[in-house]
Amino acid sequence: KGSQHKDIRKTLEEIKASIAAQPTPPTGDKDLLAMSRCAAKLRQVMDTLLEQGGKDIKCIRKVEKRSESILDNLAARITKELIERDDFERIEDQIMKTAKDLDAVRATPATTVIESCIDK
C-alpha cells in the first residue's frame, strides 16, 4: 500500500508539472492533448483512491486542485475566435472529452462549465 501511495503522489506531481508547463493563455488546441492526458491520469488516481476506501483526504484534495487547474485551462481556450474557427467542432470534441474525464473526479461537472463558456 505504501508504494501505491508513493505512485499516486508521484503521478499527482507529474500532473502538476504538466499543467504548470502549459502556455498562458492557452489557445485553441495547442497542448490540448497534454491536458487530456492529465485529466485521464487524474481519473485513474481518483479511481485508485476510491478503491482504497477514499480515506486519503490530502490526495483527494490534490486531485480536486489539479482538476480545477485543468478546467481553468480548458475554459480559457474558449474564445470568440476559437468558436469562429472552421475546426471548432473538432477542438470542442477534444475539450468535451477532457471535461468528461474531469467530471469523474469533481463534484461540479466540468462539462457544464465548458458548455456555459461555449454558450456565452
N, C-alpha and C. Protein backbone atom coordinates (compact mmCIF):
# COMPACT_ATOMS: atom_id res chain seq x y z
N LYS A 1 0.83 -1.21 0.00
CA LYS A 1 0.00 0.00 0.00
C LYS A 1 0.87 1.26 0.00
N GLY A 2 2.00 1.20 0.71
CA GLY A 2 2.89 2.36 0.77
C GLY A 2 3.44 2.75 -0.59
N SER A 3 3.80 1.73 -1.40
CA SER A 3 4.34 2.04 -2.72
C SER A 3 3.26 2.59 -3.65
N GLN A 4 2.02 2.11 -3.47
CA GLN A 4 0.92 2.62 -4.27
C GLN A 4 0.66 4.09 -3.94
N HIS A 5 0.77 4.44 -2.66
CA HIS A 5 0.60 5.82 -2.23
C HIS A 5 1.70 6.70 -2.84
N LYS A 6 2.91 6.17 -2.87
CA LYS A 6 4.04 6.90 -3.46
C LYS A 6 3.77 7.13 -4.95
N ASP A 7 3.25 6.09 -5.62
CA ASP A 7 2.92 6.21 -7.05
C ASP A 7 1.87 7.28 -7.28
N ILE A 8 0.86 7.32 -6.43
CA ILE A 8 -0.19 8.33 -6.55
C ILE A 8 0.40 9.73 -6.39
N ARG A 9 1.21 9.91 -5.36
CA ARG A 9 1.83 11.22 -5.13
C ARG A 9 2.72 11.63 -6.30
N LYS A 10 3.46 10.66 -6.84
CA LYS A 10 4.34 10.93 -7.99
C LYS A 10 3.49 11.35 -9.20
N THR A 11 2.42 10.61 -9.46
CA THR A 11 1.53 10.94 -10.59
C THR A 11 0.93 12.32 -10.41
N LEU A 12 0.50 12.66 -9.20
CA LEU A 12 -0.07 13.98 -8.94
C LEU A 12 0.96 15.08 -9.17
N GLU A 13 2.21 14.83 -8.81
CA GLU A 13 3.28 15.81 -9.05
C GLU A 13 3.55 15.96 -10.55
N GLU A 14 3.53 14.84 -11.29
CA GLU A 14 3.72 14.89 -12.74
C GLU A 14 2.60 15.70 -13.40
N ILE A 15 1.38 15.48 -12.95
CA ILE A 15 0.24 16.23 -13.49
C ILE A 15 0.40 17.72 -13.20
N LYS A 16 0.80 18.04 -11.97
CA LYS A 16 1.01 19.44 -11.58
C LYS A 16 2.06 20.09 -12.49
N ALA A 17 3.16 19.39 -12.75
CA ALA A 17 4.23 19.91 -13.60
C ALA A 17 3.75 20.11 -15.03
N SER A 18 2.96 19.16 -15.52
CA SER A 18 2.44 19.26 -16.89
C SER A 18 1.50 20.46 -17.03
N ILE A 19 0.67 20.69 -16.02
CA ILE A 19 -0.24 21.83 -16.03
C ILE A 19 0.58 23.13 -15.99
N ALA A 20 1.60 23.16 -15.13
CA ALA A 20 2.44 24.36 -14.99
C ALA A 20 3.19 24.69 -16.28
N ALA A 21 3.48 23.67 -17.08
CA ALA A 21 4.23 23.86 -18.33
C ALA A 21 3.36 24.40 -19.46
N GLN A 22 2.08 24.51 -19.23
CA GLN A 22 1.16 24.99 -20.27
C GLN A 22 1.41 26.46 -20.58
N PRO A 23 1.30 26.82 -21.86
CA PRO A 23 1.43 28.24 -22.20
C PRO A 23 0.25 29.03 -21.63
N THR A 24 0.52 30.26 -21.23
CA THR A 24 -0.58 31.10 -20.75
C THR A 24 -0.66 32.35 -21.62
N PRO A 25 -1.79 32.71 -22.12
CA PRO A 25 -3.02 31.93 -22.00
C PRO A 25 -3.00 30.75 -22.99
N PRO A 26 -3.72 29.69 -22.66
CA PRO A 26 -3.80 28.56 -23.60
C PRO A 26 -4.64 28.98 -24.81
N THR A 27 -4.27 28.47 -25.98
CA THR A 27 -5.02 28.85 -27.17
C THR A 27 -5.39 27.63 -28.01
N GLY A 28 -6.59 27.67 -28.56
CA GLY A 28 -7.05 26.63 -29.48
C GLY A 28 -6.78 25.24 -28.96
N ASP A 29 -6.19 24.42 -29.84
CA ASP A 29 -5.91 23.04 -29.42
C ASP A 29 -4.42 22.83 -29.11
N LYS A 30 -3.68 23.93 -28.99
CA LYS A 30 -2.25 23.83 -28.66
C LYS A 30 -2.09 23.19 -27.27
N ASP A 31 -1.37 22.09 -27.23
CA ASP A 31 -1.12 21.35 -25.99
C ASP A 31 -2.40 20.80 -25.33
N LEU A 32 -3.48 20.73 -26.08
CA LEU A 32 -4.73 20.20 -25.54
C LEU A 32 -4.58 18.71 -25.21
N LEU A 33 -3.77 18.01 -25.99
CA LEU A 33 -3.54 16.59 -25.74
C LEU A 33 -2.91 16.38 -24.35
N ALA A 34 -2.00 17.28 -23.97
CA ALA A 34 -1.37 17.18 -22.64
C ALA A 34 -2.42 17.32 -21.54
N MET A 35 -3.37 18.23 -21.72
CA MET A 35 -4.43 18.41 -20.72
C MET A 35 -5.34 17.19 -20.67
N SER A 36 -5.58 16.62 -21.85
CA SER A 36 -6.42 15.42 -21.94
C SER A 36 -5.76 14.26 -21.19
N ARG A 37 -4.46 14.11 -21.37
CA ARG A 37 -3.72 13.05 -20.67
C ARG A 37 -3.75 13.28 -19.16
N CYS A 38 -3.59 14.54 -18.75
CA CYS A 38 -3.64 14.86 -17.31
C CYS A 38 -4.99 14.50 -16.72
N ALA A 39 -6.06 14.83 -17.44
CA ALA A 39 -7.41 14.53 -16.94
C ALA A 39 -7.61 13.02 -16.82
N ALA A 40 -7.12 12.27 -17.81
CA ALA A 40 -7.26 10.81 -17.77
C ALA A 40 -6.47 10.23 -16.59
N LYS A 41 -5.27 10.76 -16.36
CA LYS A 41 -4.46 10.30 -15.21
C LYS A 41 -5.15 10.64 -13.89
N LEU A 42 -5.73 11.83 -13.82
CA LEU A 42 -6.44 12.23 -12.60
C LEU A 42 -7.58 11.26 -12.31
N ARG A 43 -8.27 10.89 -13.36
CA ARG A 43 -9.39 9.95 -13.20
C ARG A 43 -8.89 8.61 -12.65
N GLN A 44 -7.76 8.15 -13.18
CA GLN A 44 -7.17 6.89 -12.70
C GLN A 44 -6.77 7.01 -11.23
N VAL A 45 -6.16 8.14 -10.87
CA VAL A 45 -5.75 8.37 -9.49
C VAL A 45 -6.97 8.34 -8.57
N MET A 46 -8.03 9.05 -8.97
CA MET A 46 -9.23 9.10 -8.13
C MET A 46 -9.85 7.71 -8.00
N ASP A 47 -9.88 6.95 -9.09
CA ASP A 47 -10.40 5.58 -9.03
C ASP A 47 -9.62 4.76 -8.01
N THR A 48 -8.30 4.88 -8.04
CA THR A 48 -7.45 4.14 -7.10
C THR A 48 -7.72 4.59 -5.67
N LEU A 49 -7.82 5.90 -5.46
CA LEU A 49 -8.10 6.43 -4.12
C LEU A 49 -9.43 5.90 -3.59
N LEU A 50 -10.43 5.85 -4.46
CA LEU A 50 -11.75 5.36 -4.05
C LEU A 50 -11.72 3.86 -3.77
N GLU A 51 -10.95 3.13 -4.59
CA GLU A 51 -10.80 1.68 -4.35
C GLU A 51 -10.18 1.42 -2.98
N GLN A 52 -9.34 2.35 -2.54
CA GLN A 52 -8.68 2.22 -1.24
C GLN A 52 -9.57 2.72 -0.10
N GLY A 53 -10.79 3.06 -0.42
CA GLY A 53 -11.73 3.48 0.62
C GLY A 53 -11.94 4.97 0.72
N GLY A 54 -11.24 5.76 -0.10
CA GLY A 54 -11.43 7.21 -0.13
C GLY A 54 -11.03 7.92 1.15
N LYS A 55 -10.09 7.34 1.89
CA LYS A 55 -9.70 7.93 3.17
C LYS A 55 -8.53 8.91 3.06
N ASP A 56 -7.83 8.92 1.91
CA ASP A 56 -6.67 9.80 1.75
C ASP A 56 -7.14 11.20 1.30
N ILE A 57 -7.63 11.94 2.28
CA ILE A 57 -8.22 13.26 2.00
C ILE A 57 -7.20 14.21 1.36
N LYS A 58 -5.95 14.13 1.80
CA LYS A 58 -4.91 15.02 1.26
C LYS A 58 -4.75 14.82 -0.25
N CYS A 59 -4.67 13.56 -0.68
CA CYS A 59 -4.53 13.29 -2.11
C CYS A 59 -5.81 13.63 -2.88
N ILE A 60 -6.96 13.38 -2.27
CA ILE A 60 -8.23 13.72 -2.92
C ILE A 60 -8.30 15.24 -3.15
N ARG A 61 -7.84 16.01 -2.17
CA ARG A 61 -7.82 17.48 -2.34
C ARG A 61 -6.89 17.89 -3.47
N LYS A 62 -5.76 17.19 -3.59
CA LYS A 62 -4.82 17.49 -4.68
C LYS A 62 -5.48 17.18 -6.03
N VAL A 63 -6.22 16.09 -6.09
CA VAL A 63 -6.94 15.75 -7.33
C VAL A 63 -7.91 16.88 -7.66
N GLU A 64 -8.64 17.36 -6.66
CA GLU A 64 -9.59 18.46 -6.87
C GLU A 64 -8.88 19.71 -7.39
N LYS A 65 -7.75 20.05 -6.78
CA LYS A 65 -6.99 21.24 -7.21
C LYS A 65 -6.50 21.11 -8.64
N ARG A 66 -5.97 19.93 -8.97
CA ARG A 66 -5.48 19.70 -10.33
C ARG A 66 -6.64 19.77 -11.33
N SER A 67 -7.79 19.21 -10.95
CA SER A 67 -8.93 19.24 -11.87
C SER A 67 -9.39 20.67 -12.11
N GLU A 68 -9.32 21.49 -11.07
CA GLU A 68 -9.68 22.90 -11.19
C GLU A 68 -8.74 23.62 -12.16
N SER A 69 -7.44 23.32 -12.05
CA SER A 69 -6.46 23.93 -12.95
C SER A 69 -6.68 23.51 -14.40
N ILE A 70 -6.98 22.23 -14.60
CA ILE A 70 -7.24 21.76 -15.97
C ILE A 70 -8.51 22.40 -16.52
N LEU A 71 -9.55 22.47 -15.69
CA LEU A 71 -10.80 23.09 -16.13
C LEU A 71 -10.57 24.57 -16.48
N ASP A 72 -9.80 25.27 -15.68
CA ASP A 72 -9.49 26.67 -15.98
C ASP A 72 -8.78 26.78 -17.34
N ASN A 73 -7.86 25.84 -17.59
CA ASN A 73 -7.13 25.82 -18.85
C ASN A 73 -8.09 25.60 -20.02
N LEU A 74 -9.01 24.65 -19.86
CA LEU A 74 -9.97 24.37 -20.94
C LEU A 74 -10.88 25.56 -21.19
N ALA A 75 -11.39 26.15 -20.11
CA ALA A 75 -12.32 27.28 -20.24
C ALA A 75 -11.63 28.48 -20.90
N ALA A 76 -10.36 28.70 -20.57
CA ALA A 76 -9.62 29.84 -21.13
C ALA A 76 -9.41 29.70 -22.64
N ARG A 77 -9.46 28.50 -23.14
CA ARG A 77 -9.28 28.27 -24.57
C ARG A 77 -10.49 28.73 -25.39
N ILE A 78 -11.65 28.75 -24.74
CA ILE A 78 -12.89 29.01 -25.47
C ILE A 78 -13.10 30.51 -25.61
N THR A 79 -12.70 30.98 -26.76
CA THR A 79 -12.83 32.41 -27.08
C THR A 79 -13.72 32.54 -28.31
N LYS A 80 -14.14 33.76 -28.55
CA LYS A 80 -14.95 34.03 -29.75
C LYS A 80 -14.20 33.59 -31.00
N GLU A 81 -12.88 33.86 -31.02
CA GLU A 81 -12.06 33.49 -32.18
C GLU A 81 -12.05 31.98 -32.39
N LEU A 82 -11.95 31.23 -31.29
CA LEU A 82 -11.93 29.77 -31.40
C LEU A 82 -13.27 29.26 -31.94
N ILE A 83 -14.35 29.79 -31.39
CA ILE A 83 -15.68 29.34 -31.80
C ILE A 83 -15.92 29.62 -33.28
N GLU A 84 -15.31 30.67 -33.80
CA GLU A 84 -15.50 31.04 -35.21
C GLU A 84 -14.59 30.25 -36.16
N ARG A 85 -13.63 29.51 -35.61
CA ARG A 85 -12.72 28.74 -36.46
C ARG A 85 -13.44 27.60 -37.17
N ASP A 86 -12.94 27.26 -38.37
CA ASP A 86 -13.53 26.17 -39.15
C ASP A 86 -13.43 24.83 -38.44
N ASP A 87 -12.36 24.64 -37.66
CA ASP A 87 -12.15 23.36 -37.00
C ASP A 87 -12.64 23.36 -35.55
N PHE A 88 -13.54 24.29 -35.21
CA PHE A 88 -14.01 24.39 -33.82
C PHE A 88 -14.67 23.11 -33.33
N GLU A 89 -15.48 22.47 -34.18
CA GLU A 89 -16.18 21.25 -33.73
C GLU A 89 -15.20 20.18 -33.28
N ARG A 90 -14.11 20.03 -34.03
CA ARG A 90 -13.10 19.03 -33.67
C ARG A 90 -12.46 19.39 -32.32
N ILE A 91 -12.11 20.66 -32.14
CA ILE A 91 -11.49 21.11 -30.89
C ILE A 91 -12.49 21.00 -29.74
N GLU A 92 -13.74 21.37 -30.01
CA GLU A 92 -14.78 21.27 -28.98
C GLU A 92 -14.93 19.82 -28.52
N ASP A 93 -14.88 18.87 -29.46
CA ASP A 93 -14.97 17.45 -29.10
C ASP A 93 -13.83 17.06 -28.16
N GLN A 94 -12.62 17.51 -28.48
CA GLN A 94 -11.46 17.20 -27.64
C GLN A 94 -11.63 17.79 -26.24
N ILE A 95 -12.08 19.04 -26.20
CA ILE A 95 -12.27 19.72 -24.91
C ILE A 95 -13.34 19.00 -24.09
N MET A 96 -14.44 18.62 -24.74
CA MET A 96 -15.53 17.95 -24.02
C MET A 96 -15.11 16.56 -23.53
N LYS A 97 -14.32 15.83 -24.31
CA LYS A 97 -13.83 14.53 -23.85
C LYS A 97 -12.97 14.70 -22.61
N THR A 98 -12.14 15.72 -22.61
CA THR A 98 -11.28 16.00 -21.45
C THR A 98 -12.15 16.39 -20.26
N ALA A 99 -13.16 17.21 -20.49
CA ALA A 99 -14.06 17.65 -19.42
C ALA A 99 -14.82 16.45 -18.83
N LYS A 100 -15.16 15.48 -19.67
CA LYS A 100 -15.86 14.28 -19.16
C LYS A 100 -14.97 13.49 -18.20
N ASP A 101 -13.67 13.41 -18.50
CA ASP A 101 -12.75 12.76 -17.55
C ASP A 101 -12.74 13.53 -16.24
N LEU A 102 -12.78 14.85 -16.33
CA LEU A 102 -12.79 15.67 -15.11
C LEU A 102 -14.08 15.47 -14.32
N ASP A 103 -15.19 15.27 -15.03
CA ASP A 103 -16.48 15.05 -14.35
C ASP A 103 -16.38 13.91 -13.34
N ALA A 104 -15.56 12.91 -13.66
CA ALA A 104 -15.44 11.73 -12.80
C ALA A 104 -14.74 12.04 -11.47
N VAL A 105 -14.04 13.19 -11.40
CA VAL A 105 -13.29 13.50 -10.17
C VAL A 105 -13.80 14.76 -9.47
N ARG A 106 -14.88 15.34 -9.99
CA ARG A 106 -15.36 16.61 -9.46
C ARG A 106 -16.80 16.52 -8.96
N ALA A 107 -17.11 17.38 -8.00
CA ALA A 107 -18.49 17.49 -7.53
C ALA A 107 -19.32 18.29 -8.54
N THR A 108 -18.75 19.36 -9.07
CA THR A 108 -19.41 20.19 -10.08
C THR A 108 -18.95 19.72 -11.45
N PRO A 109 -19.87 19.31 -12.32
CA PRO A 109 -19.46 18.79 -13.62
C PRO A 109 -18.69 19.82 -14.46
N ALA A 110 -17.53 19.40 -14.95
CA ALA A 110 -16.72 20.26 -15.82
C ALA A 110 -17.41 20.49 -17.15
N THR A 111 -18.15 19.48 -17.62
CA THR A 111 -18.83 19.62 -18.92
C THR A 111 -19.83 20.77 -18.88
N THR A 112 -20.51 20.95 -17.75
CA THR A 112 -21.48 22.05 -17.61
C THR A 112 -20.77 23.40 -17.69
N VAL A 113 -19.62 23.49 -17.06
CA VAL A 113 -18.84 24.75 -17.08
C VAL A 113 -18.41 25.06 -18.50
N ILE A 114 -17.89 24.05 -19.21
CA ILE A 114 -17.43 24.24 -20.59
C ILE A 114 -18.59 24.62 -21.50
N GLU A 115 -19.73 23.94 -21.36
CA GLU A 115 -20.90 24.27 -22.19
C GLU A 115 -21.34 25.71 -21.96
N SER A 116 -21.27 26.19 -20.72
CA SER A 116 -21.68 27.58 -20.46
C SER A 116 -20.68 28.56 -21.08
N CYS A 117 -19.39 28.19 -21.14
CA CYS A 117 -18.40 29.04 -21.80
C CYS A 117 -18.68 29.14 -23.30
N ILE A 118 -19.07 28.03 -23.90
CA ILE A 118 -19.35 28.00 -25.34
C ILE A 118 -20.62 28.79 -25.65
N ASP A 119 -21.60 28.72 -24.76
CA ASP A 119 -22.89 29.38 -25.00
C ASP A 119 -22.87 30.88 -24.77
N LYS A 120 -21.79 31.42 -24.22
CA LYS A 120 -21.74 32.87 -23.91
C LYS A 120 -21.96 33.71 -25.14
